[in-house]
Amino acid sequence: RVPVIQAYRLPDPHAPGAPLNTASPAFRAINP
């Protein structure tokens, strides 16, 4: 299980060092 967190839980999901989240390009490559 890869713990992808919901982007809305983060103050800035696109910030450097942000955890893998539903807005992360790496996850969007799996589920657009």
Full PDB file with SEQRES, HELIX, SHEET, SSBOND, CRYST1, ORIGX, SCALE, CONECT and MASTER records, all heavy atoms in Angstrom:
SEQRES   1 A   32  ARG VAL PRO VAL ILE GLN ALA TYR ARG LEU PRO ASP PRO          
SEQRES   2 A   32  HIS ALA PRO GLY ALA PRO LEU ASN THR ALA SER PRO ALA          
SEQRES   3 A   32  PHE ARG ALA ILE ASN PRO                                      
HELIX    1 AA1 ALA A    7  ARG A    9  5                                   3    
HELIX    2 AA2 PRO A   25  ARG A   28  1                                   4    
CRYST1    1.000    1.000    1.000  90.00  90.00  90.00 P 1           1          
ORIGX1      1.000000  0.000000  0.000000        0.00000                         
ORIGX2      0.000000  1.000000  0.000000        0.00000                         
ORIGX3      0.000000  0.000000  1.000000        0.00000                         
SCALE1      1.000000  0.000000  0.000000        0.00000                         
SCALE2      0.000000  1.000000  0.000000        0.00000                         
SCALE3      0.000000  0.000000  1.000000        0.00000                         
ATOM      1  N   ARG A   1       0.847  -1.188   0.000  1.00  0.00           N  
ATOM      2  CA  ARG A   1       0.000   0.000   0.000  1.00  0.00           C  
ATOM      3  C   ARG A   1       0.878   1.232   0.000  1.00  0.00           C  
ATOM      4  O   ARG A   1       1.715   1.409   0.881  1.00  0.00           O  
ATOM      5  CB  ARG A   1      -0.954   0.025   1.197  1.00  0.00           C  
ATOM      6  CG  ARG A   1      -1.967   1.170   1.106  1.00  0.00           C  
ATOM      7  CD  ARG A   1      -3.135   0.955   2.053  1.00  0.00           C  
ATOM      8  NE  ARG A   1      -2.678   0.717   3.399  1.00  0.00           N  
ATOM      9  CZ  ARG A   1      -2.289   1.684   4.238  1.00  0.00           C  
ATOM     10  NH1 ARG A   1      -2.276   2.951   3.825  1.00  0.00           N  
ATOM     11  NH2 ARG A   1      -1.902   1.401   5.452  1.00  0.00           N  
ATOM     12  N   VAL A   2       0.698   2.062  -1.003  1.00  0.00           N  
ATOM     13  CA  VAL A   2       1.434   3.321  -1.137  1.00  0.00           C  
ATOM     14  C   VAL A   2       0.529   4.424  -0.591  1.00  0.00           C  
ATOM     15  O   VAL A   2      -0.554   4.668  -1.140  1.00  0.00           O  
ATOM     16  CB  VAL A   2       1.800   3.589  -2.604  1.00  0.00           C  
ATOM     17  CG1 VAL A   2       2.495   4.948  -2.737  1.00  0.00           C  
ATOM     18  CG2 VAL A   2       2.671   2.472  -3.156  1.00  0.00           C  
ATOM     19  N   PRO A   3       0.921   5.096   0.486  1.00  0.00           N  
ATOM     20  CA  PRO A   3       0.022   6.047   1.156  1.00  0.00           C  
ATOM     21  C   PRO A   3      -0.091   7.388   0.437  1.00  0.00           C  
ATOM     22  O   PRO A   3       0.517   8.392   0.836  1.00  0.00           O  
ATOM     23  CB  PRO A   3       0.643   6.190   2.547  1.00  0.00           C  
ATOM     24  CG  PRO A   3       2.094   5.936   2.335  1.00  0.00           C  
ATOM     25  CD  PRO A   3       2.182   4.910   1.224  1.00  0.00           C  
ATOM     26  N   VAL A   4      -0.881   7.406  -0.603  1.00  0.00           N  
ATOM     27  CA  VAL A   4      -1.168   8.658  -1.308  1.00  0.00           C  
ATOM     28  C   VAL A   4      -2.223   9.414  -0.501  1.00  0.00           C  
ATOM     29  O   VAL A   4      -3.312   8.895  -0.238  1.00  0.00           O  
ATOM     30  CB  VAL A   4      -1.699   8.374  -2.727  1.00  0.00           C  
ATOM     31  CG1 VAL A   4      -1.997   9.692  -3.457  1.00  0.00           C  
ATOM     32  CG2 VAL A   4      -0.720   7.521  -3.511  1.00  0.00           C  
ATOM     33  N   ILE A   5      -1.919  10.642  -0.112  1.00  0.00           N  
ATOM     34  CA  ILE A   5      -2.832  11.447   0.706  1.00  0.00           C  
ATOM     35  C   ILE A   5      -3.654  12.375  -0.189  1.00  0.00           C  
ATOM     36  O   ILE A   5      -3.216  12.748  -1.292  1.00  0.00           O  
ATOM     37  CB  ILE A   5      -2.037  12.254   1.768  1.00  0.00           C  
ATOM     38  CG1 ILE A   5      -2.958  12.831   2.832  1.00  0.00           C  
ATOM     39  CG2 ILE A   5      -1.191  13.344   1.107  1.00  0.00           C  
ATOM     40  CD1 ILE A   5      -2.216  13.424   4.014  1.00  0.00           C  
ATOM     41  N   GLN A   6      -4.837  12.727   0.269  1.00  0.00           N  
ATOM     42  CA  GLN A   6      -5.670  13.653  -0.492  1.00  0.00           C  
ATOM     43  C   GLN A   6      -5.026  15.039  -0.501  1.00  0.00           C  
ATOM     44  O   GLN A   6      -4.566  15.538   0.530  1.00  0.00           O  
ATOM     45  CB  GLN A   6      -7.075  13.751   0.109  1.00  0.00           C  
ATOM     46  CG  GLN A   6      -7.836  12.442   0.138  1.00  0.00           C  
ATOM     47  CD  GLN A   6      -7.724  11.722   1.473  1.00  0.00           C  
ATOM     48  OE1 GLN A   6      -6.690  11.790   2.141  1.00  0.00           O  
ATOM     49  NE2 GLN A   6      -8.786  11.035   1.863  1.00  0.00           N  
ATOM     50  N   ALA A   7      -5.021  15.670  -1.659  1.00  0.00           N  
ATOM     51  CA  ALA A   7      -4.397  16.993  -1.797  1.00  0.00           C  
ATOM     52  C   ALA A   7      -5.031  18.013  -0.866  1.00  0.00           C  
ATOM     53  O   ALA A   7      -4.345  18.911  -0.348  1.00  0.00           O  
ATOM     54  CB  ALA A   7      -4.496  17.460  -3.251  1.00  0.00           C  
ATOM     55  N   TYR A   8      -6.342  17.899  -0.613  1.00  0.00           N  
ATOM     56  CA  TYR A   8      -7.003  18.907   0.216  1.00  0.00           C  
ATOM     57  C   TYR A   8      -6.541  18.867   1.665  1.00  0.00           C  
ATOM     58  O   TYR A   8      -6.767  19.822   2.420  1.00  0.00           O  
ATOM     59  CB  TYR A   8      -8.529  18.759   0.135  1.00  0.00           C  
ATOM     60  CG  TYR A   8      -9.098  17.520   0.810  1.00  0.00           C  
ATOM     61  CD1 TYR A   8      -9.241  17.455   2.202  1.00  0.00           C  
ATOM     62  CD2 TYR A   8      -9.527  16.435   0.058  1.00  0.00           C  
ATOM     63  CE1 TYR A   8      -9.774  16.332   2.814  1.00  0.00           C  
ATOM     64  CE2 TYR A   8     -10.048  15.315   0.667  1.00  0.00           C  
ATOM     65  CZ  TYR A   8     -10.180  15.266   2.041  1.00  0.00           C  
ATOM     66  OH  TYR A   8     -10.698  14.152   2.647  1.00  0.00           O  
ATOM     67  N   ARG A   9      -5.887  17.799   2.086  1.00  0.00           N  
ATOM     68  CA  ARG A   9      -5.378  17.730   3.458  1.00  0.00           C  
ATOM     69  C   ARG A   9      -4.080  18.524   3.650  1.00  0.00           C  
ATOM     70  O   ARG A   9      -3.626  18.690   4.778  1.00  0.00           O  
ATOM     71  CB  ARG A   9      -5.112  16.270   3.851  1.00  0.00           C  
ATOM     72  CG  ARG A   9      -6.356  15.398   3.975  1.00  0.00           C  
ATOM     73  CD  ARG A   9      -5.969  14.011   4.470  1.00  0.00           C  
ATOM     74  NE  ARG A   9      -7.086  13.096   4.539  1.00  0.00           N  
ATOM     75  CZ  ARG A   9      -7.891  12.955   5.592  1.00  0.00           C  
ATOM     76  NH1 ARG A   9      -7.702  13.700   6.657  1.00  0.00           N  
ATOM     77  NH2 ARG A   9      -8.882  12.078   5.559  1.00  0.00           N  
ATOM     78  N   LEU A  10      -3.485  18.981   2.562  1.00  0.00           N  
ATOM     79  CA  LEU A  10      -2.181  19.632   2.626  1.00  0.00           C  
ATOM     80  C   LEU A  10      -2.309  21.129   2.373  1.00  0.00           C  
ATOM     81  O   LEU A  10      -3.103  21.553   1.529  1.00  0.00           O  
ATOM     82  CB  LEU A  10      -1.241  19.020   1.579  1.00  0.00           C  
ATOM     83  CG  LEU A  10      -1.006  17.507   1.704  1.00  0.00           C  
ATOM     84  CD1 LEU A  10      -0.252  16.994   0.484  1.00  0.00           C  
ATOM     85  CD2 LEU A  10      -0.247  17.187   2.980  1.00  0.00           C  
ATOM     86  N   PRO A  11      -1.514  21.959   3.063  1.00  0.00           N  
ATOM     87  CA  PRO A  11      -1.572  23.402   2.811  1.00  0.00           C  
ATOM     88  C   PRO A  11      -1.150  23.758   1.390  1.00  0.00           C  
ATOM     89  O   PRO A  11      -1.687  24.690   0.796  1.00  0.00           O  
ATOM     90  CB  PRO A  11      -0.621  23.989   3.855  1.00  0.00           C  
ATOM     91  CG  PRO A  11       0.229  22.855   4.317  1.00  0.00           C  
ATOM     92  CD  PRO A  11      -0.587  21.618   4.168  1.00  0.00           C  
ATOM     93  N   ASP A  12      -0.167  23.026   0.859  1.00  0.00           N  
ATOM     94  CA  ASP A  12       0.267  23.250  -0.523  1.00  0.00           C  
ATOM     95  C   ASP A  12       0.722  21.912  -1.095  1.00  0.00           C  
ATOM     96  O   ASP A  12       1.876  21.507  -0.914  1.00  0.00           O  
ATOM     97  CB  ASP A  12       1.403  24.265  -0.581  1.00  0.00           C  
ATOM     98  CG  ASP A  12       1.829  24.566  -2.016  1.00  0.00           C  
ATOM     99  OD1 ASP A  12       1.272  23.946  -2.956  1.00  0.00           O  
ATOM    100  OD2 ASP A  12       2.733  25.393  -2.205  1.00  0.00           O  
ATOM    101  N   PRO A  13      -0.164  21.211  -1.781  1.00  0.00           N  
ATOM    102  CA  PRO A  13       0.191  19.891  -2.298  1.00  0.00           C  
ATOM    103  C   PRO A  13       1.287  19.909  -3.346  1.00  0.00           C  
ATOM    104  O   PRO A  13       1.890  18.872  -3.627  1.00  0.00           O  
ATOM    105  CB  PRO A  13      -1.124  19.375  -2.897  1.00  0.00           C  
ATOM    106  CG  PRO A  13      -1.929  20.592  -3.171  1.00  0.00           C  
ATOM    107  CD  PRO A  13      -1.554  21.583  -2.110  1.00  0.00           C  
ATOM    108  N   HIS A  14       1.561  21.088  -3.905  1.00  0.00           N  
ATOM    109  CA  HIS A  14       2.591  21.197  -4.942  1.00  0.00           C  
ATOM    110  C   HIS A  14       3.931  21.704  -4.390  1.00  0.00           C  
ATOM    111  O   HIS A  14       4.887  21.872  -5.153  1.00  0.00           O  
ATOM    112  CB  HIS A  14       2.120  22.138  -6.055  1.00  0.00           C  
ATOM    113  CG  HIS A  14       0.867  21.681  -6.730  1.00  0.00           C  
ATOM    114  ND1 HIS A  14       0.823  20.598  -7.577  1.00  0.00           N  
ATOM    115  CD2 HIS A  14      -0.404  22.167  -6.648  1.00  0.00           C  
ATOM    116  CE1 HIS A  14      -0.416  20.436  -8.015  1.00  0.00           C  
ATOM    117  NE2 HIS A  14      -1.175  21.354  -7.478  1.00  0.00           N  
ATOM    118  N   ALA A  15       3.993  21.921  -3.093  1.00  0.00           N  
ATOM    119  CA  ALA A  15       5.234  22.448  -2.499  1.00  0.00           C  
ATOM    120  C   ALA A  15       6.357  21.424  -2.606  1.00  0.00           C  
ATOM    121  O   ALA A  15       6.120  20.218  -2.564  1.00  0.00           O  
ATOM    122  CB  ALA A  15       4.997  22.798  -1.032  1.00  0.00           C  
ATOM    123  N   PRO A  16       7.603  21.894  -2.748  1.00  0.00           N  
ATOM    124  CA  PRO A  16       8.736  20.962  -2.722  1.00  0.00           C  
ATOM    125  C   PRO A  16       8.732  20.189  -1.404  1.00  0.00           C  
ATOM    126  O   PRO A  16       8.536  20.750  -0.330  1.00  0.00           O  
ATOM    127  CB  PRO A  16       9.960  21.886  -2.809  1.00  0.00           C  
ATOM    128  CG  PRO A  16       9.437  23.137  -3.439  1.00  0.00           C  
ATOM    129  CD  PRO A  16       8.031  23.290  -2.949  1.00  0.00           C  
ATOM    130  N   GLY A  17       8.902  18.900  -1.504  1.00  0.00           N  
ATOM    131  CA  GLY A  17       8.906  18.069  -0.309  1.00  0.00           C  
ATOM    132  C   GLY A  17       7.537  17.650   0.177  1.00  0.00           C  
ATOM    133  O   GLY A  17       7.435  16.947   1.187  1.00  0.00           O  
ATOM    134  N   ALA A  18       6.468  18.078  -0.506  1.00  0.00           N  
ATOM    135  CA  ALA A  18       5.122  17.638  -0.121  1.00  0.00           C  
ATOM    136  C   ALA A  18       5.022  16.128  -0.287  1.00  0.00           C  
ATOM    137  O   ALA A  18       5.593  15.548  -1.219  1.00  0.00           O  
ATOM    138  CB  ALA A  18       4.071  18.330  -0.973  1.00  0.00           C  
ATOM    139  N   PRO A  19       4.310  15.461   0.603  1.00  0.00           N  
ATOM    140  CA  PRO A  19       4.162  14.011   0.457  1.00  0.00           C  
ATOM    141  C   PRO A  19       3.380  13.656  -0.805  1.00  0.00           C  
ATOM    142  O   PRO A  19       2.666  14.499  -1.371  1.00  0.00           O  
ATOM    143  CB  PRO A  19       3.386  13.608   1.715  1.00  0.00           C  
ATOM    144  CG  PRO A  19       2.670  14.851   2.144  1.00  0.00           C  
ATOM    145  CD  PRO A  19       3.573  15.987   1.762  1.00  0.00           C  
ATOM    146  N   LEU A  20       3.543  12.434  -1.246  1.00  0.00           N  
ATOM    147  CA  LEU A  20       2.804  11.957  -2.420  1.00  0.00           C  
ATOM    148  C   LEU A  20       1.318  12.160  -2.168  1.00  0.00           C  
ATOM    149  O   LEU A  20       0.784  11.723  -1.149  1.00  0.00           O  
ATOM    150  CB  LEU A  20       3.123  10.488  -2.663  1.00  0.00           C  
ATOM    151  CG  LEU A  20       2.509   9.858  -3.918  1.00  0.00           C  
ATOM    152  CD1 LEU A  20       3.085  10.490  -5.188  1.00  0.00           C  
ATOM    153  CD2 LEU A  20       2.762   8.346  -3.920  1.00  0.00           C  
ATOM    154  N   ASN A  21       0.665  12.844  -3.089  1.00  0.00           N  
ATOM    155  CA  ASN A  21      -0.739  13.170  -2.887  1.00  0.00           C  
ATOM    156  C   ASN A  21      -1.485  13.104  -4.214  1.00  0.00           C  
ATOM    157  O   ASN A  21      -0.891  12.863  -5.269  1.00  0.00           O  
ATOM    158  CB  ASN A  21      -0.875  14.541  -2.223  1.00  0.00           C  
ATOM    159  CG  ASN A  21      -0.375  15.669  -3.091  1.00  0.00           C  
ATOM    160  OD1 ASN A  21      -1.063  16.113  -4.004  1.00  0.00           O  
ATOM    161  ND2 ASN A  21       0.849  16.152  -2.823  1.00  0.00           N  
ATOM    162  N   THR A  22      -2.787  13.325  -4.135  1.00  0.00           N  
ATOM    163  CA  THR A  22      -3.618  13.123  -5.321  1.00  0.00           C  
ATOM    164  C   THR A  22      -3.380  14.160  -6.411  1.00  0.00           C  
ATOM    165  O   THR A  22      -3.870  13.995  -7.536  1.00  0.00           O  
ATOM    166  CB  THR A  22      -5.104  13.129  -4.931  1.00  0.00           C  
ATOM    167  OG1 THR A  22      -5.400  14.311  -4.160  1.00  0.00           O  
ATOM    168  CG2 THR A  22      -5.443  11.902  -4.100  1.00  0.00           C  
ATOM    169  N   ALA A  23      -2.637  15.222  -6.095  1.00  0.00           N  
ATOM    170  CA  ALA A  23      -2.258  16.203  -7.115  1.00  0.00           C  
ATOM    171  C   ALA A  23      -0.847  15.987  -7.641  1.00  0.00           C  
ATOM    172  O   ALA A  23      -0.423  16.671  -8.582  1.00  0.00           O  
ATOM    173  CB  ALA A  23      -2.389  17.619  -6.552  1.00  0.00           C  
ATOM    174  N   SER A  24      -0.117  15.065  -7.062  1.00  0.00           N  
ATOM    175  CA  SER A  24       1.276  14.833  -7.468  1.00  0.00           C  
ATOM    176  C   SER A  24       1.338  14.256  -8.881  1.00  0.00           C  
ATOM    177  O   SER A  24       0.584  13.326  -9.210  1.00  0.00           O  
ATOM    178  CB  SER A  24       1.953  13.845  -6.509  1.00  0.00           C  
ATOM    179  OG  SER A  24       1.990  14.340  -5.194  1.00  0.00           O  
ATOM    180  N   PRO A  25       2.231  14.779  -9.726  1.00  0.00           N  
ATOM    181  CA  PRO A  25       2.363  14.216 -11.072  1.00  0.00           C  
ATOM    182  C   PRO A  25       2.623  12.707 -11.065  1.00  0.00           C  
ATOM    183  O   PRO A  25       2.127  11.986 -11.940  1.00  0.00           O  
ATOM    184  CB  PRO A  25       3.546  14.998 -11.657  1.00  0.00           C  
ATOM    185  CG  PRO A  25       3.528  16.307 -10.921  1.00  0.00           C  
ATOM    186  CD  PRO A  25       3.075  15.973  -9.530  1.00  0.00           C  
ATOM    187  N   ALA A  26       3.378  12.229 -10.080  1.00  0.00           N  
ATOM    188  CA  ALA A  26       3.668  10.786 -10.031  1.00  0.00           C  
ATOM    189  C   ALA A  26       2.406   9.969  -9.840  1.00  0.00           C  
ATOM    190  O   ALA A  26       2.263   8.886 -10.411  1.00  0.00           O  
ATOM    191  CB  ALA A  26       4.655  10.500  -8.895  1.00  0.00           C  
ATOM    192  N   PHE A  27       1.471  10.487  -9.028  1.00  0.00           N  
ATOM    193  CA  PHE A  27       0.215   9.754  -8.860  1.00  0.00           C  
ATOM    194  C   PHE A  27      -0.717   9.987 -10.033  1.00  0.00           C  
ATOM    195  O   PHE A  27      -1.416   9.074 -10.473  1.00  0.00           O  
ATOM    196  CB  PHE A  27      -0.487  10.150  -7.553  1.00  0.00           C  
ATOM    197  CG  PHE A  27      -1.803   9.442  -7.395  1.00  0.00           C  
ATOM    198  CD1 PHE A  27      -1.850   8.064  -7.206  1.00  0.00           C  
ATOM    199  CD2 PHE A  27      -2.999  10.138  -7.475  1.00  0.00           C  
ATOM    200  CE1 PHE A  27      -3.066   7.394  -7.101  1.00  0.00           C  
ATOM    201  CE2 PHE A  27      -4.215   9.484  -7.361  1.00  0.00           C  
ATOM    202  CZ  PHE A  27      -4.246   8.104  -7.170  1.00  0.00           C  
ATOM    203  N   ARG A  28      -0.737  11.211 -10.569  1.00  0.00           N  
ATOM    204  CA  ARG A  28      -1.609  11.487 -11.727  1.00  0.00           C  
ATOM    205  C   ARG A  28      -1.232  10.625 -12.929  1.00  0.00           C  
ATOM    206  O   ARG A  28      -2.064  10.368 -13.800  1.00  0.00           O  
ATOM    207  CB  ARG A  28      -1.532  12.971 -12.091  1.00  0.00           C  
ATOM    208  CG  ARG A  28      -2.226  13.901 -11.101  1.00  0.00           C  
ATOM    209  CD  ARG A  28      -3.718  13.663 -11.051  1.00  0.00           C  
ATOM    210  NE  ARG A  28      -4.399  14.532 -10.122  1.00  0.00           N  
ATOM    211  CZ  ARG A  28      -5.213  15.535 -10.469  1.00  0.00           C  
ATOM    212  NH1 ARG A  28      -5.449  15.779 -11.745  1.00  0.00           N  
ATOM    213  NH2 ARG A  28      -5.811  16.249  -9.544  1.00  0.00           N  
ATOM    214  N   ALA A  29       0.013  10.161 -12.969  1.00  0.00           N  
ATOM    215  CA  ALA A  29       0.405   9.243 -14.043  1.00  0.00           C  
ATOM    216  C   ALA A  29      -0.286   7.889 -13.880  1.00  0.00           C  
ATOM    217  O   ALA A  29      -0.468   7.159 -14.858  1.00  0.00           O  
ATOM    218  CB  ALA A  29       1.920   9.059 -14.040  1.00  0.00           C  
ATOM    219  N   ILE A  30      -0.668   7.559 -12.651  1.00  0.00           N  
ATOM    220  CA  ILE A  30      -1.378   6.313 -12.391  1.00  0.00           C  
ATOM    221  C   ILE A  30      -2.881   6.509 -12.546  1.00  0.00           C  
ATOM    222  O   ILE A  30      -3.565   5.721 -13.194  1.00  0.00           O  
ATOM    223  CB  ILE A  30      -1.041   5.802 -10.975  1.00  0.00           C  
ATOM    224  CG1 ILE A  30       0.443   5.454 -10.912  1.00  0.00           C  
ATOM    225  CG2 ILE A  30      -1.904   4.605 -10.579  1.00  0.00           C  
ATOM    226  CD1 ILE A  30       0.984   5.323  -9.520  1.00  0.00           C  
ATOM    227  N   ASN A  31      -3.414   7.573 -11.947  1.00  0.00           N  
ATOM    228  CA  ASN A  31      -4.832   7.895 -12.088  1.00  0.00           C  
ATOM    229  C   ASN A  31      -4.967   9.364 -12.471  1.00  0.00           C  
ATOM    230  O   ASN A  31      -4.868  10.245 -11.618  1.00  0.00           O  
ATOM    231  CB  ASN A  31      -5.594   7.628 -10.789  1.00  0.00           C  
ATOM    232  CG  ASN A  31      -7.083   7.918 -10.947  1.00  0.00           C  
ATOM    233  OD1 ASN A  31      -7.557   8.263 -12.026  1.00  0.00           O  
ATOM    234  ND2 ASN A  31      -7.835   7.785  -9.866  1.00  0.00           N  
ATOM    235  N   PRO A  32      -5.183   9.647 -13.739  1.00  0.00           N  
ATOM    236  CA  PRO A  32      -5.274  11.038 -14.186  1.00  0.00           C  
ATOM    237  C   PRO A  32      -6.408  11.812 -13.524  1.00  0.00           C  
ATOM    238  O   PRO A  32      -6.393  13.044 -13.507  1.00  0.00           O  
ATOM    239  CB  PRO A  32      -5.508  10.910 -15.701  1.00  0.00           C  
ATOM    240  CG  PRO A  32      -5.015   9.545 -16.057  1.00  0.00           C  
ATOM    241  CD  PRO A  32      -5.272   8.688 -14.860  1.00  0.00           C  
TER     242      PRO A  32                                                      
MASTER        0    0    0    2    0    0    0    6  241    1    0    3          
END                                                                             
